Amino acid sequence: MQLEALATNDDPFEDAGIGVAYNFASPANRRVTGPFYRFVRMVKGPRYAPMVDHVEATAGPLERDGGRAEQRVTVTGPGGRTVTYRFGLSRDRAGDLDGYWPTDRVVSE
């Protein structure tokens, strides 16, 4: 869902896709990345910019271990730059994200 939203980041309004990614960030992730305006700046920075308005995303297998999971995703950005990211997820059993797998971290390889 996050990658689909980031592929059309400004639809239906500016940075809507980044907003979806922020909403699915785990509480621990948000503590590190800060409020939304800082999250936007980080995602539009050089490390994560290929995800914004990307033209292709290919997900590898989801590797689960209990309440944790990891998935590699290779993204081709709008400028043709290809980057592989490793998404770290954990099962949330409380709060607003109960039943979802919020993102704990995204690391470029």
N, C-alpha and C. Protein backbone atom coordinates (compact mmCIF):
# COMPACT_ATOMS: atom_id res chain seq x y z
N MET A 1 0.82 -1.18 0.00
CA MET A 1 0.00 0.00 0.00
C MET A 1 0.88 1.25 0.00
N GLN A 2 1.96 1.21 0.78
CA GLN A 2 2.85 2.37 0.84
C GLN A 2 3.49 2.65 -0.51
N LEU A 3 4.00 1.60 -1.15
CA LEU A 3 4.66 1.79 -2.44
C LEU A 3 3.68 2.26 -3.51
N GLU A 4 2.47 1.74 -3.50
CA GLU A 4 1.46 2.20 -4.45
C GLU A 4 1.18 3.68 -4.26
N ALA A 5 1.07 4.11 -3.02
CA ALA A 5 0.80 5.51 -2.73
C ALA A 5 1.99 6.39 -3.15
N LEU A 6 3.21 5.92 -2.89
CA LEU A 6 4.39 6.71 -3.26
C LEU A 6 4.56 6.81 -4.77
N ALA A 7 4.06 5.83 -5.52
CA ALA A 7 4.17 5.86 -6.98
C ALA A 7 3.41 7.04 -7.58
N THR A 8 2.36 7.46 -6.89
CA THR A 8 1.57 8.62 -7.33
C THR A 8 1.49 9.59 -6.16
N ASN A 9 2.64 10.03 -5.73
CA ASN A 9 2.76 10.79 -4.48
C ASN A 9 1.80 11.96 -4.35
N ASP A 10 1.62 12.73 -5.39
CA ASP A 10 0.81 13.94 -5.28
C ASP A 10 -0.66 13.75 -5.66
N ASP A 11 -1.13 12.51 -5.68
CA ASP A 11 -2.52 12.24 -6.00
C ASP A 11 -3.22 11.70 -4.76
N PRO A 12 -4.23 12.28 -4.24
CA PRO A 12 -5.04 13.37 -4.78
C PRO A 12 -4.58 14.77 -4.34
N PHE A 13 -3.55 14.86 -3.53
CA PHE A 13 -3.02 16.18 -3.13
C PHE A 13 -1.53 16.03 -2.87
N GLU A 14 -0.84 17.14 -2.73
CA GLU A 14 0.61 17.15 -2.57
C GLU A 14 1.05 16.28 -1.39
N ASP A 15 1.99 15.38 -1.66
CA ASP A 15 2.59 14.49 -0.67
C ASP A 15 1.61 13.53 0.01
N ALA A 16 0.51 13.23 -0.66
CA ALA A 16 -0.45 12.26 -0.13
C ALA A 16 0.19 10.89 0.03
N GLY A 17 1.03 10.49 -0.93
CA GLY A 17 1.71 9.19 -0.86
C GLY A 17 2.66 9.11 0.32
N ILE A 18 3.40 10.18 0.56
CA ILE A 18 4.29 10.21 1.72
C ILE A 18 3.47 10.15 3.00
N GLY A 19 2.30 10.76 2.97
CA GLY A 19 1.40 10.70 4.12
C GLY A 19 0.97 9.28 4.44
N VAL A 20 0.69 8.49 3.41
CA VAL A 20 0.32 7.08 3.63
C VAL A 20 1.50 6.34 4.26
N ALA A 21 2.71 6.56 3.73
CA ALA A 21 3.90 5.90 4.30
C ALA A 21 4.08 6.32 5.76
N TYR A 22 3.88 7.57 6.06
CA TYR A 22 4.03 8.06 7.44
C TYR A 22 2.98 7.42 8.35
N ASN A 23 1.77 7.29 7.85
CA ASN A 23 0.70 6.71 8.67
C ASN A 23 0.95 5.24 8.99
N PHE A 24 1.73 4.55 8.15
CA PHE A 24 2.05 3.15 8.41
C PHE A 24 3.43 2.96 9.01
N ALA A 25 4.06 4.05 9.44
CA ALA A 25 5.32 3.95 10.18
C ALA A 25 5.00 3.56 11.62
N SER A 26 5.80 2.68 12.17
CA SER A 26 5.57 2.26 13.55
C SER A 26 5.85 3.43 14.49
N PRO A 27 5.30 3.38 15.70
CA PRO A 27 5.59 4.44 16.68
C PRO A 27 7.09 4.64 16.91
N ALA A 28 7.85 3.56 16.96
CA ALA A 28 9.30 3.67 17.15
C ALA A 28 9.94 4.38 15.96
N ASN A 29 9.49 4.07 14.76
CA ASN A 29 9.99 4.72 13.56
C ASN A 29 9.69 6.21 13.61
N ARG A 30 8.49 6.58 13.98
CA ARG A 30 8.11 8.00 14.06
C ARG A 30 8.94 8.76 15.09
N ARG A 31 9.29 8.08 16.18
CA ARG A 31 10.13 8.75 17.19
C ARG A 31 11.49 9.12 16.61
N VAL A 32 11.99 8.28 15.72
CA VAL A 32 13.30 8.53 15.10
C VAL A 32 13.19 9.56 13.98
N THR A 33 12.17 9.44 13.14
CA THR A 33 12.06 10.31 11.97
C THR A 33 11.45 11.67 12.28
N GLY A 34 10.73 11.75 13.38
CA GLY A 34 10.16 13.04 13.78
C GLY A 34 8.79 13.28 13.19
N PRO A 35 8.32 14.52 13.28
CA PRO A 35 6.98 14.86 12.78
C PRO A 35 6.92 14.78 11.25
N PHE A 36 5.72 14.89 10.72
CA PHE A 36 5.48 14.68 9.30
C PHE A 36 6.37 15.55 8.42
N TYR A 37 6.53 16.82 8.72
CA TYR A 37 7.32 17.70 7.84
C TYR A 37 8.76 17.20 7.74
N ARG A 38 9.32 16.66 8.82
CA ARG A 38 10.68 16.10 8.75
C ARG A 38 10.70 14.79 7.97
N PHE A 39 9.64 14.00 8.11
CA PHE A 39 9.52 12.75 7.36
C PHE A 39 9.49 13.05 5.86
N VAL A 40 8.72 14.07 5.46
CA VAL A 40 8.65 14.46 4.05
C VAL A 40 10.03 14.84 3.55
N ARG A 41 10.73 15.65 4.30
CA ARG A 41 12.07 16.09 3.89
C ARG A 41 13.02 14.89 3.75
N MET A 42 12.93 13.94 4.66
CA MET A 42 13.77 12.75 4.60
C MET A 42 13.45 11.90 3.36
N VAL A 43 12.16 11.66 3.10
CA VAL A 43 11.77 10.82 1.97
C VAL A 43 12.14 11.48 0.64
N LYS A 44 12.08 12.79 0.57
CA LYS A 44 12.45 13.49 -0.67
C LYS A 44 13.96 13.69 -0.79
N GLY A 45 14.71 13.33 0.24
CA GLY A 45 16.17 13.44 0.20
C GLY A 45 16.77 12.38 -0.70
N PRO A 46 18.08 12.47 -0.95
CA PRO A 46 18.72 11.59 -1.93
C PRO A 46 18.58 10.09 -1.66
N ARG A 47 18.56 9.67 -0.42
CA ARG A 47 18.50 8.24 -0.11
C ARG A 47 17.17 7.61 -0.49
N TYR A 48 16.07 8.30 -0.26
CA TYR A 48 14.74 7.71 -0.49
C TYR A 48 13.99 8.29 -1.68
N ALA A 49 14.53 9.32 -2.32
CA ALA A 49 13.84 9.99 -3.43
C ALA A 49 13.41 9.04 -4.55
N PRO A 50 14.17 7.97 -4.87
CA PRO A 50 13.70 7.08 -5.95
C PRO A 50 12.33 6.46 -5.69
N MET A 51 11.90 6.41 -4.43
CA MET A 51 10.59 5.83 -4.13
C MET A 51 9.46 6.78 -4.53
N VAL A 52 9.74 8.08 -4.51
CA VAL A 52 8.69 9.07 -4.80
C VAL A 52 8.46 9.11 -6.31
N ASP A 53 7.23 8.83 -6.71
CA ASP A 53 6.84 8.80 -8.12
C ASP A 53 7.63 7.77 -8.92
N HIS A 54 8.00 6.65 -8.26
CA HIS A 54 8.76 5.61 -8.95
C HIS A 54 7.96 5.04 -10.11
N VAL A 55 8.69 4.48 -11.08
CA VAL A 55 8.05 3.91 -12.27
C VAL A 55 7.90 2.40 -12.17
N GLU A 56 8.67 1.79 -11.26
CA GLU A 56 8.56 0.34 -11.08
C GLU A 56 9.03 -0.05 -9.68
N ALA A 57 8.35 -1.03 -9.10
CA ALA A 57 8.76 -1.58 -7.81
C ALA A 57 8.56 -3.09 -7.87
N THR A 58 9.64 -3.82 -7.59
CA THR A 58 9.59 -5.28 -7.60
C THR A 58 9.90 -5.78 -6.21
N ALA A 59 8.91 -6.43 -5.59
CA ALA A 59 9.06 -6.93 -4.23
C ALA A 59 9.57 -8.35 -4.23
N GLY A 60 10.53 -8.62 -3.36
CA GLY A 60 11.02 -9.98 -3.15
C GLY A 60 10.12 -10.69 -2.17
N PRO A 61 10.50 -11.89 -1.79
CA PRO A 61 9.66 -12.66 -0.86
C PRO A 61 9.63 -12.00 0.53
N LEU A 62 8.51 -12.15 1.18
CA LEU A 62 8.35 -11.67 2.55
C LEU A 62 8.89 -12.74 3.48
N GLU A 63 9.87 -12.37 4.29
CA GLU A 63 10.47 -13.31 5.23
C GLU A 63 9.94 -12.99 6.62
N ARG A 64 9.15 -13.92 7.18
CA ARG A 64 8.53 -13.71 8.50
C ARG A 64 9.20 -14.56 9.55
N ASP A 65 9.30 -13.98 10.73
CA ASP A 65 9.82 -14.68 11.90
C ASP A 65 9.00 -14.21 13.09
N GLY A 66 7.93 -14.92 13.38
CA GLY A 66 7.05 -14.52 14.47
C GLY A 66 6.38 -13.20 14.17
N GLY A 67 6.58 -12.24 15.05
CA GLY A 67 5.96 -10.92 14.91
C GLY A 67 6.80 -9.93 14.13
N ARG A 68 7.83 -10.42 13.45
CA ARG A 68 8.70 -9.54 12.64
C ARG A 68 8.76 -10.07 11.22
N ALA A 69 8.98 -9.15 10.29
CA ALA A 69 9.09 -9.53 8.88
C ALA A 69 10.05 -8.57 8.19
N GLU A 70 10.58 -9.07 7.07
CA GLU A 70 11.49 -8.26 6.27
C GLU A 70 11.21 -8.54 4.80
N GLN A 71 11.28 -7.50 3.99
CA GLN A 71 11.06 -7.66 2.56
C GLN A 71 11.96 -6.70 1.80
N ARG A 72 12.61 -7.24 0.77
CA ARG A 72 13.42 -6.41 -0.12
C ARG A 72 12.55 -5.96 -1.29
N VAL A 73 12.72 -4.69 -1.64
CA VAL A 73 11.98 -4.13 -2.76
C VAL A 73 12.96 -3.34 -3.62
N THR A 74 12.98 -3.63 -4.92
CA THR A 74 13.82 -2.88 -5.84
C THR A 74 12.94 -1.88 -6.58
N VAL A 75 13.33 -0.63 -6.49
CA VAL A 75 12.55 0.47 -7.04
C VAL A 75 13.34 1.16 -8.14
N THR A 76 12.67 1.47 -9.24
CA THR A 76 13.26 2.31 -10.28
C THR A 76 12.58 3.66 -10.20
N GLY A 77 13.36 4.67 -9.89
CA GLY A 77 12.83 6.02 -9.72
C GLY A 77 12.51 6.68 -11.05
N PRO A 78 11.88 7.84 -11.00
CA PRO A 78 11.48 8.52 -12.23
C PRO A 78 12.67 8.91 -13.11
N GLY A 79 13.85 9.08 -12.53
CA GLY A 79 15.03 9.41 -13.31
C GLY A 79 15.81 8.19 -13.78
N GLY A 80 15.30 6.98 -13.52
CA GLY A 80 15.95 5.75 -13.96
C GLY A 80 16.87 5.13 -12.93
N ARG A 81 17.09 5.80 -11.80
CA ARG A 81 17.94 5.25 -10.74
C ARG A 81 17.24 4.07 -10.08
N THR A 82 17.96 2.95 -9.95
CA THR A 82 17.41 1.75 -9.33
C THR A 82 18.08 1.53 -7.98
N VAL A 83 17.26 1.34 -6.95
CA VAL A 83 17.75 1.13 -5.60
C VAL A 83 16.96 -0.01 -4.97
N THR A 84 17.66 -0.84 -4.20
CA THR A 84 16.99 -1.89 -3.44
C THR A 84 16.91 -1.45 -1.99
N TYR A 85 15.72 -1.56 -1.44
CA TYR A 85 15.47 -1.20 -0.04
C TYR A 85 15.07 -2.46 0.71
N ARG A 86 15.41 -2.49 1.97
CA ARG A 86 14.99 -3.57 2.86
C ARG A 86 14.02 -2.97 3.87
N PHE A 87 12.77 -3.42 3.81
CA PHE A 87 11.72 -2.94 4.71
C PHE A 87 11.66 -3.87 5.92
N GLY A 88 11.76 -3.33 7.11
CA GLY A 88 11.60 -4.08 8.34
C GLY A 88 10.24 -3.77 8.93
N LEU A 89 9.46 -4.79 9.21
CA LEU A 89 8.09 -4.64 9.70
C LEU A 89 7.91 -5.41 10.99
N SER A 90 6.93 -4.99 11.78
CA SER A 90 6.57 -5.76 12.96
C SER A 90 5.06 -5.72 13.13
N ARG A 91 4.54 -6.79 13.66
CA ARG A 91 3.09 -6.92 13.84
C ARG A 91 2.68 -6.05 15.02
N ASP A 92 1.74 -5.14 14.77
CA ASP A 92 1.25 -4.27 15.83
C ASP A 92 0.00 -4.89 16.43
N ARG A 93 -0.01 -5.04 17.72
CA ARG A 93 -1.15 -5.66 18.39
C ARG A 93 -1.92 -4.69 19.28
N ALA A 94 -1.60 -3.41 19.15
CA ALA A 94 -2.30 -2.42 19.97
C ALA A 94 -2.31 -1.08 19.23
N GLY A 95 -3.18 -0.22 19.64
CA GLY A 95 -3.20 1.13 19.08
C GLY A 95 -3.88 1.20 17.72
N ASP A 96 -3.61 2.31 17.04
CA ASP A 96 -4.25 2.60 15.76
C ASP A 96 -3.90 1.59 14.67
N LEU A 97 -2.76 0.94 14.77
CA LEU A 97 -2.31 0.03 13.73
C LEU A 97 -2.54 -1.44 14.10
N ASP A 98 -3.45 -1.68 15.03
CA ASP A 98 -3.75 -3.04 15.47
C ASP A 98 -4.12 -3.91 14.27
N GLY A 99 -3.41 -5.01 14.12
CA GLY A 99 -3.69 -5.94 13.02
C GLY A 99 -2.85 -5.67 11.77
N TYR A 100 -2.15 -4.55 11.73
CA TYR A 100 -1.31 -4.22 10.57
C TYR A 100 0.14 -4.55 10.86
N TRP A 101 0.95 -4.44 9.83
CA TRP A 101 2.40 -4.64 9.93
C TRP A 101 3.07 -3.29 9.66
N PRO A 102 3.17 -2.42 10.65
CA PRO A 102 3.79 -1.11 10.40
C PRO A 102 5.29 -1.25 10.12
N THR A 103 5.80 -0.25 9.43
CA THR A 103 7.21 -0.23 9.04
C THR A 103 8.07 0.30 10.16
N ASP A 104 9.03 -0.51 10.59
CA ASP A 104 9.99 -0.10 11.61
C ASP A 104 11.19 0.63 11.02
N ARG A 105 11.56 0.20 9.81
CA ARG A 105 12.75 0.79 9.18
C ARG A 105 12.74 0.49 7.69
N VAL A 106 13.42 1.36 6.94
CA VAL A 106 13.67 1.14 5.53
C VAL A 106 15.13 1.50 5.31
N VAL A 107 15.90 0.51 4.84
CA VAL A 107 17.34 0.69 4.66
C VAL A 107 17.67 0.46 3.20
N SER A 108 18.44 1.36 2.61
CA SER A 108 18.87 1.15 1.22
C SER A 108 20.09 0.24 1.22
N GLU A 109 20.19 -0.60 0.20
CA GLU A 109 21.32 -1.54 0.10
C GLU A 109 22.30 -1.06 -0.95
